[in-house]
Amino acid sequence: MAEPTFFFYFFLLLLLLFLGAVIKVFALKKENNLLAEQLTETTVALERTRQNLTKLQEKHEKIVEFQNSLGEAERTTNLQMTRLNEIRSPERPRNSPERYSYIHSLTEKGLSVEEIASILTISTHEARQLVALSKIAQGN
């Protein structure tokens, strides 16, 4: 039998290199498939996270809008209470019959509706109505 020659060893070396390359290709293909699956899972998770973020932003906007409405309602209530307290101030006459007689006496003195309104710290419209009511009350 003949001894293996240089070409035999060369061919054997090429065959081993080819087998190594094929094995490496299969390993890279498997790794590539795993990375593709991970990318798909990550993309799906990212999309879910985006949807959750959108929902949370909508909830946050509703909460901020509600808080702004509450703040506005509180400011309106405070303004109304301030005005209500001004209306209920002790400087103004509270007893209706006394008020009518007081307004009647002011009217008899020749004061105008505007002057009566400024004395009683009420609107001219309210003073005009009270003057009319006092005239009705004095007529009875």
N, C-alpha and C. Protein backbone atom coordinates (compact mmCIF):
# COMPACT_ATOMS: atom_id res chain seq x y z
N MET A 1 0.80 -1.15 0.00
CA MET A 1 0.00 0.00 0.00
C MET A 1 0.86 1.24 0.00
N ALA A 2 0.37 2.22 -0.64
CA ALA A 2 1.18 3.42 -0.79
C ALA A 2 0.97 4.35 0.37
N GLU A 3 2.00 5.06 0.68
CA GLU A 3 1.90 6.03 1.76
C GLU A 3 1.04 7.20 1.32
N PRO A 4 0.32 7.74 2.33
CA PRO A 4 -0.50 8.89 1.97
C PRO A 4 0.40 10.02 1.47
N THR A 5 -0.03 10.62 0.44
CA THR A 5 0.77 11.66 -0.19
C THR A 5 0.32 13.04 0.29
N PHE A 6 1.01 13.99 -0.19
CA PHE A 6 0.76 15.39 0.15
C PHE A 6 -0.66 15.77 -0.27
N PHE A 7 -1.10 15.32 -1.44
CA PHE A 7 -2.42 15.67 -1.92
C PHE A 7 -3.51 15.07 -1.04
N PHE A 8 -3.28 13.89 -0.51
CA PHE A 8 -4.24 13.25 0.39
C PHE A 8 -4.42 14.09 1.65
N TYR A 9 -3.29 14.55 2.23
CA TYR A 9 -3.37 15.39 3.43
C TYR A 9 -4.01 16.74 3.11
N PHE A 10 -3.70 17.24 1.98
CA PHE A 10 -4.28 18.51 1.55
C PHE A 10 -5.80 18.36 1.39
N PHE A 11 -6.22 17.26 0.74
CA PHE A 11 -7.64 16.99 0.54
C PHE A 11 -8.33 16.79 1.89
N LEU A 12 -7.72 16.08 2.81
CA LEU A 12 -8.26 15.83 4.14
C LEU A 12 -8.41 17.16 4.89
N LEU A 13 -7.42 18.02 4.77
CA LEU A 13 -7.47 19.34 5.41
C LEU A 13 -8.62 20.16 4.83
N LEU A 14 -8.78 20.15 3.52
CA LEU A 14 -9.87 20.89 2.89
C LEU A 14 -11.23 20.34 3.33
N LEU A 15 -11.32 19.02 3.44
CA LEU A 15 -12.56 18.39 3.88
C LEU A 15 -12.90 18.80 5.31
N LEU A 16 -11.91 18.82 6.20
CA LEU A 16 -12.13 19.26 7.58
C LEU A 16 -12.53 20.73 7.65
N LEU A 17 -11.89 21.56 6.84
CA LEU A 17 -12.25 22.98 6.80
C LEU A 17 -13.69 23.16 6.31
N PHE A 18 -14.08 22.39 5.30
CA PHE A 18 -15.42 22.46 4.77
C PHE A 18 -16.44 22.03 5.82
N LEU A 19 -16.17 20.92 6.52
CA LEU A 19 -17.06 20.47 7.59
C LEU A 19 -17.15 21.51 8.70
N GLY A 20 -16.03 22.10 9.05
CA GLY A 20 -16.04 23.16 10.08
C GLY A 20 -16.88 24.34 9.65
N ALA A 21 -16.75 24.73 8.36
CA ALA A 21 -17.53 25.86 7.84
C ALA A 21 -19.02 25.52 7.84
N VAL A 22 -19.39 24.30 7.46
CA VAL A 22 -20.81 23.90 7.45
C VAL A 22 -21.37 23.92 8.86
N ILE A 23 -20.60 23.39 9.81
CA ILE A 23 -21.04 23.39 11.22
C ILE A 23 -21.21 24.83 11.71
N LYS A 24 -20.27 25.69 11.34
CA LYS A 24 -20.34 27.10 11.77
C LYS A 24 -21.57 27.78 11.15
N VAL A 25 -21.89 27.46 9.88
CA VAL A 25 -23.05 28.04 9.21
C VAL A 25 -24.32 27.63 9.94
N PHE A 26 -24.45 26.35 10.28
CA PHE A 26 -25.63 25.89 11.00
C PHE A 26 -25.73 26.54 12.38
N ALA A 27 -24.61 26.70 13.06
CA ALA A 27 -24.62 27.35 14.38
C ALA A 27 -25.04 28.80 14.25
N LEU A 28 -24.54 29.51 13.25
CA LEU A 28 -24.92 30.90 13.05
C LEU A 28 -26.39 31.03 12.66
N LYS A 29 -26.87 30.08 11.84
CA LYS A 29 -28.27 30.11 11.45
C LYS A 29 -29.17 29.91 12.66
N LYS A 30 -28.80 28.98 13.53
CA LYS A 30 -29.58 28.74 14.74
C LYS A 30 -29.57 29.99 15.64
N GLU A 31 -28.40 30.59 15.80
CA GLU A 31 -28.29 31.80 16.62
C GLU A 31 -29.11 32.93 16.00
N ASN A 32 -29.09 33.05 14.67
CA ASN A 32 -29.86 34.07 13.97
C ASN A 32 -31.35 33.86 14.21
N ASN A 33 -31.82 32.60 14.17
CA ASN A 33 -33.23 32.32 14.44
C ASN A 33 -33.62 32.69 15.87
N LEU A 34 -32.74 32.39 16.82
CA LEU A 34 -33.02 32.76 18.21
C LEU A 34 -33.10 34.28 18.38
N LEU A 35 -32.18 34.98 17.73
CA LEU A 35 -32.20 36.45 17.80
C LEU A 35 -33.46 37.01 17.13
N ALA A 36 -33.89 36.39 16.04
CA ALA A 36 -35.12 36.84 15.37
C ALA A 36 -36.33 36.64 16.28
N GLU A 37 -36.39 35.52 17.00
CA GLU A 37 -37.49 35.29 17.94
C GLU A 37 -37.46 36.31 19.07
N GLN A 38 -36.27 36.59 19.59
CA GLN A 38 -36.16 37.59 20.66
C GLN A 38 -36.59 38.96 20.16
N LEU A 39 -36.21 39.30 18.93
CA LEU A 39 -36.61 40.59 18.36
C LEU A 39 -38.13 40.67 18.22
N THR A 40 -38.75 39.58 17.78
CA THR A 40 -40.21 39.56 17.65
C THR A 40 -40.88 39.74 19.02
N GLU A 41 -40.39 39.01 20.02
CA GLU A 41 -40.95 39.13 21.38
C GLU A 41 -40.77 40.54 21.92
N THR A 42 -39.61 41.11 21.68
CA THR A 42 -39.34 42.48 22.15
C THR A 42 -40.24 43.48 21.45
N THR A 43 -40.47 43.29 20.16
CA THR A 43 -41.34 44.20 19.41
C THR A 43 -42.78 44.11 19.93
N VAL A 44 -43.25 42.89 20.21
CA VAL A 44 -44.60 42.73 20.74
C VAL A 44 -44.70 43.38 22.12
N ALA A 45 -43.69 43.18 22.95
CA ALA A 45 -43.69 43.78 24.30
C ALA A 45 -43.65 45.31 24.20
N LEU A 46 -42.89 45.83 23.26
CA LEU A 46 -42.81 47.28 23.07
C LEU A 46 -44.17 47.84 22.65
N GLU A 47 -44.86 47.14 21.77
CA GLU A 47 -46.18 47.60 21.33
C GLU A 47 -47.18 47.59 22.48
N ARG A 48 -47.14 46.53 23.31
CA ARG A 48 -48.01 46.49 24.50
C ARG A 48 -47.69 47.65 25.44
N THR A 49 -46.41 47.92 25.61
CA THR A 49 -46.00 49.01 26.49
C THR A 49 -46.48 50.35 25.94
N ARG A 50 -46.40 50.53 24.64
CA ARG A 50 -46.90 51.77 24.02
C ARG A 50 -48.40 51.93 24.27
N GLN A 51 -49.15 50.84 24.11
CA GLN A 51 -50.59 50.90 24.34
C GLN A 51 -50.90 51.24 25.80
N ASN A 52 -50.16 50.62 26.72
CA ASN A 52 -50.36 50.92 28.14
C ASN A 52 -50.00 52.37 28.44
N LEU A 53 -48.94 52.87 27.83
CA LEU A 53 -48.54 54.25 28.03
C LEU A 53 -49.62 55.20 27.53
N THR A 54 -50.19 54.89 26.39
CA THR A 54 -51.27 55.73 25.85
C THR A 54 -52.47 55.75 26.80
N LYS A 55 -52.83 54.58 27.32
CA LYS A 55 -53.95 54.51 28.27
C LYS A 55 -53.65 55.32 29.52
N LEU A 56 -52.41 55.19 30.03
CA LEU A 56 -52.04 55.94 31.23
C LEU A 56 -52.05 57.44 30.98
N GLN A 57 -51.60 57.86 29.79
CA GLN A 57 -51.62 59.29 29.47
C GLN A 57 -53.05 59.80 29.40
N GLU A 58 -53.96 59.01 28.83
CA GLU A 58 -55.37 59.41 28.77
C GLU A 58 -55.95 59.53 30.17
N LYS A 59 -55.65 58.55 31.04
CA LYS A 59 -56.12 58.61 32.42
C LYS A 59 -55.56 59.84 33.13
N HIS A 60 -54.28 60.12 32.90
CA HIS A 60 -53.64 61.27 33.54
C HIS A 60 -54.31 62.57 33.07
N GLU A 61 -54.59 62.67 31.77
CA GLU A 61 -55.26 63.87 31.26
C GLU A 61 -56.64 64.04 31.88
N LYS A 62 -57.37 62.93 32.05
CA LYS A 62 -58.69 63.02 32.68
C LYS A 62 -58.58 63.46 34.13
N ILE A 63 -57.57 62.93 34.83
CA ILE A 63 -57.38 63.30 36.24
C ILE A 63 -57.02 64.78 36.34
N VAL A 64 -56.13 65.25 35.47
CA VAL A 64 -55.74 66.67 35.50
C VAL A 64 -56.94 67.54 35.18
N GLU A 65 -57.73 67.13 34.20
CA GLU A 65 -58.93 67.90 33.85
C GLU A 65 -59.91 67.94 35.02
N PHE A 66 -60.08 66.81 35.70
CA PHE A 66 -60.97 66.75 36.86
C PHE A 66 -60.45 67.65 37.98
N GLN A 67 -59.13 67.59 38.24
CA GLN A 67 -58.55 68.43 39.28
C GLN A 67 -58.72 69.91 38.95
N ASN A 68 -58.54 70.26 37.67
CA ASN A 68 -58.74 71.65 37.26
C ASN A 68 -60.20 72.06 37.48
N SER A 69 -61.13 71.16 37.17
CA SER A 69 -62.54 71.46 37.39
C SER A 69 -62.84 71.65 38.87
N LEU A 70 -62.24 70.78 39.70
CA LEU A 70 -62.43 70.94 41.15
C LEU A 70 -61.88 72.27 41.64
N GLY A 71 -60.70 72.63 41.13
CA GLY A 71 -60.10 73.90 41.53
C GLY A 71 -60.96 75.07 41.11
N GLU A 72 -61.50 75.01 39.89
CA GLU A 72 -62.36 76.07 39.41
C GLU A 72 -63.64 76.14 40.23
N ALA A 73 -64.19 74.99 40.56
CA ALA A 73 -65.41 74.97 41.38
C ALA A 73 -65.14 75.55 42.76
N GLU A 74 -63.98 75.22 43.32
CA GLU A 74 -63.63 75.76 44.64
C GLU A 74 -63.46 77.27 44.58
N ARG A 75 -62.81 77.78 43.53
CA ARG A 75 -62.66 79.23 43.40
C ARG A 75 -64.02 79.90 43.24
N THR A 76 -64.90 79.30 42.44
CA THR A 76 -66.23 79.86 42.24
C THR A 76 -67.01 79.86 43.56
N THR A 77 -66.91 78.77 44.29
CA THR A 77 -67.60 78.68 45.58
C THR A 77 -67.08 79.74 46.55
N ASN A 78 -65.76 79.92 46.58
CA ASN A 78 -65.18 80.93 47.47
C ASN A 78 -65.67 82.33 47.09
N LEU A 79 -65.72 82.61 45.79
CA LEU A 79 -66.22 83.92 45.36
C LEU A 79 -67.69 84.09 45.73
N GLN A 80 -68.47 83.03 45.55
CA GLN A 80 -69.88 83.12 45.90
C GLN A 80 -70.07 83.27 47.40
N MET A 81 -69.27 82.57 48.19
CA MET A 81 -69.38 82.68 49.64
C MET A 81 -68.97 84.08 50.10
N THR A 82 -67.94 84.62 49.46
CA THR A 82 -67.54 85.99 49.81
C THR A 82 -68.67 86.96 49.53
N ARG A 83 -69.28 86.82 48.37
CA ARG A 83 -70.41 87.70 48.02
C ARG A 83 -71.59 87.46 48.95
N LEU A 84 -71.85 86.20 49.28
CA LEU A 84 -72.96 85.88 50.18
C LEU A 84 -72.71 86.47 51.56
N ASN A 85 -71.48 86.39 52.04
CA ASN A 85 -71.15 86.98 53.35
C ASN A 85 -71.28 88.49 53.31
N GLU A 86 -70.94 89.10 52.18
CA GLU A 86 -71.11 90.55 52.05
C GLU A 86 -72.59 90.91 52.11
N ILE A 87 -73.39 90.07 51.46
CA ILE A 87 -74.84 90.33 51.45
C ILE A 87 -75.42 90.17 52.84
N ARG A 88 -74.92 89.21 53.59
CA ARG A 88 -75.43 88.94 54.94
C ARG A 88 -74.78 89.80 56.01
N SER A 89 -74.02 90.80 55.61
CA SER A 89 -73.29 91.60 56.60
C SER A 89 -74.28 92.26 57.56
N PRO A 90 -73.86 92.46 58.82
CA PRO A 90 -74.77 93.02 59.83
C PRO A 90 -75.12 94.48 59.59
N GLU A 91 -74.43 95.17 58.67
CA GLU A 91 -74.69 96.58 58.42
C GLU A 91 -76.05 96.77 57.74
N ARG A 92 -76.50 95.75 57.04
CA ARG A 92 -77.75 95.88 56.31
C ARG A 92 -78.92 95.47 57.20
N PRO A 93 -80.02 96.11 57.07
CA PRO A 93 -81.19 95.73 57.85
C PRO A 93 -81.67 94.34 57.45
N ARG A 94 -82.03 93.54 58.46
CA ARG A 94 -82.44 92.17 58.19
C ARG A 94 -83.97 92.01 58.26
N ASN A 95 -84.57 92.74 59.06
CA ASN A 95 -86.01 92.59 59.25
C ASN A 95 -86.74 93.26 58.09
N SER A 96 -87.53 92.52 57.39
CA SER A 96 -88.19 93.04 56.19
C SER A 96 -89.13 94.20 56.48
N PRO A 97 -90.03 94.10 57.46
CA PRO A 97 -90.92 95.26 57.70
C PRO A 97 -90.13 96.50 58.10
N GLU A 98 -89.07 96.33 58.90
CA GLU A 98 -88.24 97.49 59.26
C GLU A 98 -87.58 98.07 58.02
N ARG A 99 -87.16 97.18 57.15
CA ARG A 99 -86.50 97.64 55.93
C ARG A 99 -87.48 98.47 55.09
N TYR A 100 -88.70 97.99 54.97
CA TYR A 100 -89.67 98.72 54.17
C TYR A 100 -89.97 100.09 54.77
N SER A 101 -90.12 100.12 56.09
CA SER A 101 -90.39 101.43 56.72
C SER A 101 -89.17 102.34 56.60
N TYR A 102 -87.96 101.76 56.69
CA TYR A 102 -86.74 102.55 56.53
C TYR A 102 -86.64 103.09 55.11
N ILE A 103 -86.94 102.25 54.16
CA ILE A 103 -86.90 102.68 52.76
C ILE A 103 -88.00 103.71 52.52
N HIS A 104 -89.15 103.49 53.12
CA HIS A 104 -90.26 104.45 52.96
C HIS A 104 -89.87 105.82 53.52
N SER A 105 -89.21 105.80 54.68
CA SER A 105 -88.78 107.08 55.26
C SER A 105 -87.73 107.76 54.38
N LEU A 106 -86.83 106.96 53.79
CA LEU A 106 -85.83 107.55 52.89
C LEU A 106 -86.50 108.13 51.64
N THR A 107 -87.51 107.44 51.16
CA THR A 107 -88.24 107.91 49.98
C THR A 107 -88.99 109.20 50.30
N GLU A 108 -89.59 109.27 51.50
CA GLU A 108 -90.31 110.48 51.91
C GLU A 108 -89.37 111.67 52.05
N LYS A 109 -88.11 111.40 52.38
CA LYS A 109 -87.12 112.48 52.50
C LYS A 109 -86.66 112.97 51.14
N GLY A 110 -87.10 112.29 50.07
CA GLY A 110 -86.78 112.75 48.72
C GLY A 110 -85.54 112.12 48.13
N LEU A 111 -85.03 111.05 48.75
CA LEU A 111 -83.84 110.40 48.20
C LEU A 111 -84.21 109.59 46.97
N SER A 112 -83.31 109.59 46.00
CA SER A 112 -83.55 108.82 44.77
C SER A 112 -83.23 107.34 45.01
N VAL A 113 -83.62 106.52 44.06
CA VAL A 113 -83.36 105.08 44.14
C VAL A 113 -81.84 104.82 44.21
N GLU A 114 -81.07 105.58 43.43
CA GLU A 114 -79.62 105.41 43.44
C GLU A 114 -79.02 105.75 44.81
N GLU A 115 -79.54 106.81 45.45
CA GLU A 115 -79.04 107.18 46.76
C GLU A 115 -79.41 106.13 47.81
N ILE A 116 -80.62 105.61 47.73
CA ILE A 116 -81.04 104.55 48.65
C ILE A 116 -80.17 103.32 48.46
N ALA A 117 -79.88 102.97 47.21
CA ALA A 117 -79.02 101.81 46.92
C ALA A 117 -77.63 101.99 47.51
N SER A 118 -77.09 103.20 47.43
CA SER A 118 -75.75 103.41 47.99
C SER A 118 -75.76 103.39 49.51
N ILE A 119 -76.83 103.88 50.12
CA ILE A 119 -76.93 103.86 51.59
C ILE A 119 -77.04 102.42 52.09
N LEU A 120 -77.86 101.61 51.42
CA LEU A 120 -78.09 100.23 51.85
C LEU A 120 -77.05 99.26 51.27
N THR A 121 -76.16 99.79 50.44
CA THR A 121 -75.15 98.97 49.74
C THR A 121 -75.80 97.80 49.01
N ILE A 122 -76.78 98.15 48.18
CA ILE A 122 -77.44 97.17 47.33
C ILE A 122 -77.47 97.71 45.92
N SER A 123 -77.89 96.88 44.98
CA SER A 123 -77.96 97.33 43.59
C SER A 123 -79.15 98.27 43.41
N THR A 124 -79.08 99.07 42.38
CA THR A 124 -80.19 100.01 42.12
C THR A 124 -81.46 99.24 41.75
N HIS A 125 -81.29 98.14 41.08
CA HIS A 125 -82.45 97.32 40.72
C HIS A 125 -83.15 96.82 41.99
N GLU A 126 -82.37 96.33 42.94
CA GLU A 126 -82.95 95.84 44.20
C GLU A 126 -83.59 96.99 44.97
N ALA A 127 -82.93 98.14 44.97
CA ALA A 127 -83.49 99.31 45.66
C ALA A 127 -84.81 99.73 45.04
N ARG A 128 -84.88 99.69 43.70
CA ARG A 128 -86.12 100.06 43.01
C ARG A 128 -87.25 99.11 43.41
N GLN A 129 -86.92 97.81 43.49
CA GLN A 129 -87.93 96.83 43.89
C GLN A 129 -88.36 97.06 45.33
N LEU A 130 -87.41 97.34 46.21
CA LEU A 130 -87.76 97.56 47.62
C LEU A 130 -88.59 98.83 47.81
N VAL A 131 -88.30 99.86 47.03
CA VAL A 131 -89.11 101.08 47.09
C VAL A 131 -90.55 100.76 46.67
N ALA A 132 -90.70 99.99 45.61
CA ALA A 132 -92.05 99.60 45.16
C ALA A 132 -92.75 98.77 46.22
N LEU A 133 -92.03 97.82 46.85
CA LEU A 133 -92.64 96.99 47.90
C LEU A 133 -93.00 97.81 49.12
N SER A 134 -92.16 98.79 49.45
CA SER A 134 -92.47 99.61 50.63
C SER A 134 -93.69 100.46 50.39
N LYS A 135 -93.85 100.91 49.14
CA LYS A 135 -95.06 101.68 48.82
C LYS A 135 -96.30 100.80 48.94
N ILE A 136 -96.18 99.53 48.49
CA ILE A 136 -97.29 98.59 48.61
C ILE A 136 -97.59 98.30 50.08
N ALA A 137 -96.51 98.10 50.85
CA ALA A 137 -96.69 97.79 52.28
C ALA A 137 -97.29 98.96 53.01
N GLN A 138 -96.92 100.18 52.71
CA GLN A 138 -97.47 101.36 53.38
C GLN A 138 -98.92 101.61 52.95
N GLY A 139 -99.24 101.17 51.76
CA GLY A 139 -100.63 101.34 51.27
C GLY A 139 -101.57 100.42 52.01
N ASN A 140 -101.05 99.27 52.48
CA ASN A 140 -101.92 98.33 53.22
C ASN A 140 -101.95 98.78 54.63
